[in-house]
C-alpha atoms as a PDB file:
ATOM      1  CA  MET A   1       0.000   0.000   0.000  1.00  0.00           C
ATOM      2  CA  ALA A   2       2.740   2.483   0.944  1.00  0.00           C
ATOM      3  CA  GLU A   3       4.674   1.495  -2.158  1.00  0.00           C
ATOM      4  CA  ASP A   4       1.624   2.265  -4.322  1.00  0.00           C
ATOM      5  CA  ILE A   5       1.291   5.720  -2.779  1.00  0.00           C
ATOM      6  CA  THR A   6       4.992   6.369  -3.244  1.00  0.00           C
ATOM      7  CA  GLN A   7       4.744   5.305  -6.880  1.00  0.00           C
ATOM      8  CA  LEU A   8       1.653   7.485  -7.438  1.00  0.00           C
ATOM      9  CA  VAL A   9       3.335  10.530  -5.912  1.00  0.00           C
ATOM     10  CA  GLY A  10       6.399   9.916  -8.063  1.00  0.00           C
ATOM     11  CA  ASP A  11       4.252   9.618 -11.185  1.00  0.00           C
ATOM     12  CA  ILE A  12       2.157  12.753 -10.682  1.00  0.00           C
ATOM     13  CA  SER A  13       4.849  14.925  -9.156  1.00  0.00           C
ATOM     14  CA  PRO A  14       6.169  16.328 -12.495  1.00  0.00           C
ATOM     15  CA  TYR A  15       2.654  17.269 -13.594  1.00  0.00           C
ATOM     16  CA  VAL A  16       1.807  18.978 -10.322  1.00  0.00           C
ATOM     17  CA  THR A  17       5.116  20.840 -10.382  1.00  0.00           C
ATOM     18  CA  ALA A  18       4.520  22.017 -13.961  1.00  0.00           C
ATOM     19  CA  ALA A  19       0.982  23.172 -13.115  1.00  0.00           C
ATOM     20  CA  VAL A  20       2.153  25.113 -10.066  1.00  0.00           C
ATOM     21  CA  ALA A  21       4.977  26.723 -12.050  1.00  0.00           C
ATOM     22  CA  ALA A  22       2.612  27.754 -14.851  1.00  0.00           C
ATOM     23  CA  TYR A  23       0.112  29.185 -12.372  1.00  0.00           C
ATOM     24  CA  GLY A  24       2.871  31.069 -10.556  1.00  0.00           C
ATOM     25  CA  ALA A  25       4.164  32.534 -13.819  1.00  0.00           C
ATOM     26  CA  ALA A  26       0.644  33.643 -14.764  1.00  0.00           C
ATOM     27  CA  VAL A  27       0.192  35.333 -11.392  1.00  0.00           C
ATOM     28  CA  LEU A  28       3.521  37.159 -11.748  1.00  0.00           C
ATOM     29  CA  ASP A  29       2.664  38.278 -15.288  1.00  0.00           C
ATOM     30  CA  LYS A  30      -0.682  39.645 -14.113  1.00  0.00           C
ATOM     31  CA  ALA A  31       0.995  41.507 -11.240  1.00  0.00           C
ATOM     32  CA  LYS A  32       3.497  43.070 -13.672  1.00  0.00           C
ATOM     33  CA  ASP A  33       0.687  44.130 -16.001  1.00  0.00           C
ATOM     34  CA  GLU A  34      -1.292  45.699 -13.163  1.00  0.00           C
ATOM     35  CA  SER A  35       1.805  47.521 -11.956  1.00  0.00           C
ATOM     36  CA  ALA A  36       2.525  48.849 -15.447  1.00  0.00           C
ATOM     37  CA  GLU A  37      -1.088  49.964 -15.874  1.00  0.00           C
ATOM     38  CA  ALA A  38      -0.923  51.853 -12.589  1.00  0.00           C
ATOM     39  CA  GLY A  39       2.257  53.616 -13.700  1.00  0.00           C
ATOM     40  CA  VAL A  40       0.738  54.553 -17.050  1.00  0.00           C
ATOM     41  CA  ALA A  41      -2.428  55.845 -15.373  1.00  0.00           C
ATOM     42  CA  TRP A  42      -0.366  57.960 -12.978  1.00  0.00           C
ATOM     43  CA  GLY A  43       1.687  59.394 -15.840  1.00  0.00           C
ATOM     44  CA  ARG A  44      -1.444  60.139 -17.852  1.00  0.00           C
ATOM     45  CA  LYS A  45      -3.002  62.002 -14.917  1.00  0.00           C
ATOM     46  CA  MET A  46       0.149  64.032 -14.358  1.00  0.00           C
ATOM     47  CA  LEU A  47       0.400  64.988 -18.032  1.00  0.00           C
ATOM     48  CA  GLN A  48      -3.283  65.953 -18.107  1.00  0.00           C
ATOM     49  CA  ARG A  49      -2.771  68.180 -15.086  1.00  0.00           C
ATOM     50  CA  ILE A  50       0.283  69.819 -16.622  1.00  0.00           C
ATOM     51  CA  PHE A  51      -0.936  70.232 -20.189  1.00  0.00           C
ATOM     52  CA  GLY A  52      -4.703  69.890 -19.791  1.00  0.00           C
ATOM     53  CA  THR A  53      -6.872  67.608 -21.854  1.00  0.00           C
ATOM     54  CA  ARG A  54      -7.261  67.875 -25.606  1.00  0.00           C
ATOM     55  CA  ASP A  55      -9.609  66.556 -28.211  1.00  0.00           C
ATOM     56  CA  GLU A  56      -8.540  63.050 -29.187  1.00  0.00           C
ATOM     57  CA  HIS A  57      -7.925  64.194 -32.785  1.00  0.00           C
ATOM     58  CA  ASP A  58      -5.485  66.934 -31.728  1.00  0.00           C
ATOM     59  CA  ALA A  59      -1.784  66.195 -31.887  1.00  0.00           C
ATOM     60  CA  PRO A  60      -0.147  65.709 -28.481  1.00  0.00           C
ATOM     61  CA  HIS A  61       1.907  68.555 -27.103  1.00  0.00           C
ATOM     62  CA  PRO A  62       5.641  68.004 -27.886  1.00  0.00           C
ATOM     63  CA  CYS A  63       6.532  68.258 -24.193  1.00  0.00           C
ATOM     64  CA  ALA A  64       3.984  65.566 -23.414  1.00  0.00           C
ATOM     65  CA  ILE A  65       5.675  63.237 -25.873  1.00  0.00           C
ATOM     66  CA  TRP A  66       9.079  63.965 -24.330  1.00  0.00           C
ATOM     67  CA  LEU A  67       7.813  63.396 -20.769  1.00  0.00           C
ATOM     68  CA  THR A  68       6.109  60.157 -21.786  1.00  0.00           C
ATOM     69  CA  GLY A  69       9.375  58.857 -23.232  1.00  0.00           C
ATOM     70  CA  LEU A  70      11.257  59.912 -20.123  1.00  0.00           C
ATOM     71  CA  THR A  71       8.735  58.168 -17.880  1.00  0.00           C
ATOM     72  CA  MET A  72       9.047  54.974 -19.903  1.00  0.00           C
ATOM     73  CA  LEU A  73      12.843  55.062 -19.596  1.00  0.00           C
ATOM     74  CA  ILE A  74      12.702  55.626 -15.857  1.00  0.00           C
ATOM     75  CA  SER A  75      10.217  52.791 -15.296  1.00  0.00           C
ATOM     76  CA  ARG A  76      12.507  50.235 -16.942  1.00  0.00           C
END
């Protein structure tokens, strides 16, 4: 009986390990995405406060483009 359990654990162990690793990677990816979205939202709010809001068809202010690039470099 104990040998059967040992054999079963040995057989399923790689599958359980792979499932846990995949789930862990998915959780980490989601956390990174949420963190990035929060950073982008913060940057967007700051730029809107500095430069105001514009019609979506208007070209962005050149300083806004520069600050967005700077923010992306800093967040790396």
